[in-house]
Amino acid sequence: MRKKHRALFVFGAYLIVAGLVGYLSNPEKAATALLSGGAFGVLSMLCGLLLKRGQTWATWMGFGLCSFLALVFTWRATVGWMAYAGGQSEKFFAAALISSMLVGALLTLKTLWPERS
């Protein structure tokens, strides 16, 4: 259980930092990066806090949140890499950042995956 709440907390903190980095890389066009990174980061950290306090259902809430984010990050990273491959070199940083967020979501999902007895 300890590993699961830490994974959610670390992932949430990473989302907040990644949202801030995304925003700072392009403040005119990336305001949503700050808002979405912050909101989903706080939700992930809240799941971790609830899990630490013994609310085992928070594992499923965190699993659902990370699954949703993995789908969104897959879509956004694909769009970003396709734009970069199509000659839009300015899309490289955003595509790489979103890809790193996808890796974080997948690693967190791996930690949250239900154990079989």
C-alpha atoms as a PDB file:
ATOM      1  CA  MET A   1       0.000   0.000   0.000  1.00  0.00           C
ATOM      2  CA  ARG A   2       2.853   2.363   0.849  1.00  0.00           C
ATOM      3  CA  LYS A   3       4.301   2.085  -2.648  1.00  0.00           C
ATOM      4  CA  LYS A   4       0.946   2.953  -4.220  1.00  0.00           C
ATOM      5  CA  HIS A   5       0.306   6.149  -2.298  1.00  0.00           C
ATOM      6  CA  ARG A   6       3.857   7.341  -2.957  1.00  0.00           C
ATOM      7  CA  ALA A   7       3.520   6.638  -6.685  1.00  0.00           C
ATOM      8  CA  LEU A   8       0.347   8.727  -6.867  1.00  0.00           C
ATOM      9  CA  PHE A   9       1.934  11.528  -4.891  1.00  0.00           C
ATOM     10  CA  VAL A  10       5.113  11.599  -6.990  1.00  0.00           C
ATOM     11  CA  PHE A  11       3.133  11.425 -10.238  1.00  0.00           C
ATOM     12  CA  GLY A  12       0.939  14.310  -9.069  1.00  0.00           C
ATOM     13  CA  ALA A  13       3.970  16.413  -8.201  1.00  0.00           C
ATOM     14  CA  TYR A  14       5.486  15.615 -11.601  1.00  0.00           C
ATOM     15  CA  LEU A  15       2.292  16.694 -13.387  1.00  0.00           C
ATOM     16  CA  ILE A  16       2.376  20.027 -11.567  1.00  0.00           C
ATOM     17  CA  VAL A  17       6.040  20.585 -12.456  1.00  0.00           C
ATOM     18  CA  ALA A  18       5.491  19.484 -16.082  1.00  0.00           C
ATOM     19  CA  GLY A  19       2.513  21.841 -16.378  1.00  0.00           C
ATOM     20  CA  LEU A  20       4.618  24.705 -15.064  1.00  0.00           C
ATOM     21  CA  VAL A  21       7.507  23.848 -17.425  1.00  0.00           C
ATOM     22  CA  GLY A  22       5.087  23.605 -20.355  1.00  0.00           C
ATOM     23  CA  TYR A  23       3.615  26.970 -19.506  1.00  0.00           C
ATOM     24  CA  LEU A  24       6.999  28.646 -19.067  1.00  0.00           C
ATOM     25  CA  SER A  25       8.174  27.270 -22.404  1.00  0.00           C
ATOM     26  CA  ASN A  26       5.398  29.140 -24.221  1.00  0.00           C
ATOM     27  CA  PRO A  27       3.261  31.375 -21.964  1.00  0.00           C
ATOM     28  CA  GLU A  28       1.180  32.773 -24.844  1.00  0.00           C
ATOM     29  CA  LYS A  29      -0.065  29.381 -26.053  1.00  0.00           C
ATOM     30  CA  ALA A  30       0.343  27.016 -23.103  1.00  0.00           C
ATOM     31  CA  ALA A  31      -1.860  28.426 -20.349  1.00  0.00           C
ATOM     32  CA  THR A  32      -3.878  25.198 -20.346  1.00  0.00           C
ATOM     33  CA  ALA A  33      -0.689  23.239 -19.549  1.00  0.00           C
ATOM     34  CA  LEU A  34      -0.452  25.065 -16.233  1.00  0.00           C
ATOM     35  CA  LEU A  35      -4.137  24.596 -15.412  1.00  0.00           C
ATOM     36  CA  SER A  36      -4.425  20.951 -16.445  1.00  0.00           C
ATOM     37  CA  GLY A  37      -1.066  19.951 -14.952  1.00  0.00           C
ATOM     38  CA  GLY A  38      -2.020  21.618 -11.704  1.00  0.00           C
ATOM     39  CA  ALA A  39      -5.550  20.238 -11.545  1.00  0.00           C
ATOM     40  CA  PHE A  40      -4.675  16.638 -12.419  1.00  0.00           C
ATOM     41  CA  GLY A  41      -1.541  16.823 -10.280  1.00  0.00           C
ATOM     42  CA  VAL A  42      -3.576  17.865  -7.250  1.00  0.00           C
ATOM     43  CA  LEU A  43      -6.146  15.116  -7.952  1.00  0.00           C
ATOM     44  CA  SER A  44      -3.398  12.504  -8.134  1.00  0.00           C
ATOM     45  CA  MET A  45      -1.836  13.756  -4.913  1.00  0.00           C
ATOM     46  CA  LEU A  46      -5.262  13.727  -3.260  1.00  0.00           C
ATOM     47  CA  CYS A  47      -5.690  10.070  -4.261  1.00  0.00           C
ATOM     48  CA  GLY A  48      -2.287   9.339  -2.736  1.00  0.00           C
ATOM     49  CA  LEU A  49      -3.201  11.140   0.483  1.00  0.00           C
ATOM     50  CA  LEU A  50      -6.523   9.290   0.753  1.00  0.00           C
ATOM     51  CA  LEU A  51      -4.787   5.986   0.140  1.00  0.00           C
ATOM     52  CA  LYS A  52      -2.203   6.777   2.818  1.00  0.00           C
ATOM     53  CA  ARG A  53      -5.067   7.421   5.246  1.00  0.00           C
ATOM     54  CA  GLY A  54      -6.475   3.953   4.593  1.00  0.00           C
ATOM     55  CA  GLN A  55      -9.099   4.723   1.953  1.00  0.00           C
ATOM     56  CA  THR A  56      -8.382   1.722  -0.294  1.00  0.00           C
ATOM     57  CA  TRP A  57     -10.978   2.818  -2.860  1.00  0.00           C
ATOM     58  CA  ALA A  58      -8.595   5.662  -3.717  1.00  0.00           C
ATOM     59  CA  THR A  59      -6.452   3.052  -5.499  1.00  0.00           C
ATOM     60  CA  TRP A  60      -9.242   2.608  -8.045  1.00  0.00           C
ATOM     61  CA  MET A  61      -9.797   6.332  -8.300  1.00  0.00           C
ATOM     62  CA  GLY A  62      -6.085   6.817  -8.969  1.00  0.00           C
ATOM     63  CA  PHE A  63      -6.073   3.929 -11.429  1.00  0.00           C
ATOM     64  CA  GLY A  64      -8.968   5.487 -13.345  1.00  0.00           C
ATOM     65  CA  LEU A  65      -7.316   8.908 -13.325  1.00  0.00           C
ATOM     66  CA  CYS A  66      -3.994   7.521 -14.585  1.00  0.00           C
ATOM     67  CA  SER A  67      -5.756   5.443 -17.248  1.00  0.00           C
ATOM     68  CA  PHE A  68      -7.602   8.499 -18.508  1.00  0.00           C
ATOM     69  CA  LEU A  69      -4.410  10.556 -18.529  1.00  0.00           C
ATOM     70  CA  ALA A  70      -2.484   7.801 -20.329  1.00  0.00           C
ATOM     71  CA  LEU A  71      -5.086   7.886 -23.107  1.00  0.00           C
ATOM     72  CA  VAL A  72      -4.985  11.675 -23.339  1.00  0.00           C
ATOM     73  CA  PHE A  73      -1.176  11.764 -23.287  1.00  0.00           C
ATOM     74  CA  THR A  74      -1.008   9.069 -25.979  1.00  0.00           C
ATOM     75  CA  TRP A  75      -3.277  11.135 -28.209  1.00  0.00           C
ATOM     76  CA  ARG A  76      -1.503  14.448 -27.523  1.00  0.00           C
ATOM     77  CA  ALA A  77       1.997  12.973 -27.897  1.00  0.00           C
ATOM     78  CA  THR A  78       1.012  11.350 -31.207  1.00  0.00           C
ATOM     79  CA  VAL A  79      -0.335  14.646 -32.533  1.00  0.00           C
ATOM     80  CA  GLY A  80       2.795  16.459 -31.341  1.00  0.00           C
ATOM     81  CA  TRP A  81       5.241  13.969 -32.865  1.00  0.00           C
ATOM     82  CA  MET A  82       3.328  13.946 -36.135  1.00  0.00           C
ATOM     83  CA  ALA A  83       3.515  17.752 -36.288  1.00  0.00           C
ATOM     84  CA  TYR A  84       7.228  17.607 -35.526  1.00  0.00           C
ATOM     85  CA  ALA A  85       7.760  14.960 -38.228  1.00  0.00           C
ATOM     86  CA  GLY A  86       5.789  17.183 -40.601  1.00  0.00           C
ATOM     87  CA  GLY A  87       8.324  19.959 -40.257  1.00  0.00           C
ATOM     88  CA  GLN A  88       7.059  21.917 -37.249  1.00  0.00           C
ATOM     89  CA  SER A  89      10.299  21.861 -35.255  1.00  0.00           C
ATOM     90  CA  GLU A  90       8.773  24.046 -32.522  1.00  0.00           C
ATOM     91  CA  LYS A  91       6.569  21.082 -31.514  1.00  0.00           C
ATOM     92  CA  PHE A  92       9.556  19.001 -30.349  1.00  0.00           C
ATOM     93  CA  PHE A  93       9.625  20.256 -26.753  1.00  0.00           C
ATOM     94  CA  ALA A  94       5.877  19.866 -26.200  1.00  0.00           C
ATOM     95  CA  ALA A  95       5.858  16.379 -27.755  1.00  0.00           C
ATOM     96  CA  ALA A  96       8.796  15.289 -25.596  1.00  0.00           C
ATOM     97  CA  LEU A  97       7.236  16.728 -22.427  1.00  0.00           C
ATOM     98  CA  ILE A  98       3.880  15.069 -23.089  1.00  0.00           C
ATOM     99  CA  SER A  99       5.659  11.790 -23.862  1.00  0.00           C
ATOM    100  CA  SER A 100       7.416  11.986 -20.495  1.00  0.00           C
ATOM    101  CA  MET A 101       4.040  12.517 -18.830  1.00  0.00           C
ATOM    102  CA  LEU A 102       2.758   9.407 -20.637  1.00  0.00           C
ATOM    103  CA  VAL A 103       5.699   7.406 -19.283  1.00  0.00           C
ATOM    104  CA  GLY A 104       4.901   8.687 -15.795  1.00  0.00           C
ATOM    105  CA  ALA A 105       1.238   7.680 -16.145  1.00  0.00           C
ATOM    106  CA  LEU A 106       2.217   4.192 -17.348  1.00  0.00           C
ATOM    107  CA  LEU A 107       4.701   3.685 -14.508  1.00  0.00           C
ATOM    108  CA  THR A 108       2.085   4.789 -11.994  1.00  0.00           C
ATOM    109  CA  LEU A 109      -0.458   2.412 -13.543  1.00  0.00           C
ATOM    110  CA  LYS A 110       2.051  -0.418 -13.217  1.00  0.00           C
ATOM    111  CA  THR A 111       2.417   0.353  -9.512  1.00  0.00           C
ATOM    112  CA  LEU A 112      -1.351   0.556  -9.018  1.00  0.00           C
ATOM    113  CA  TRP A 113      -2.112  -2.631 -10.957  1.00  0.00           C
ATOM    114  CA  PRO A 114      -4.116  -4.989  -8.707  1.00  0.00           C
ATOM    115  CA  GLU A 115      -2.167  -7.892  -7.272  1.00  0.00           C
ATOM    116  CA  ARG A 116      -3.441 -11.369  -7.898  1.00  0.00           C
ATOM    117  CA  SER A 117      -3.605 -13.733  -4.958  1.00  0.00           C
END
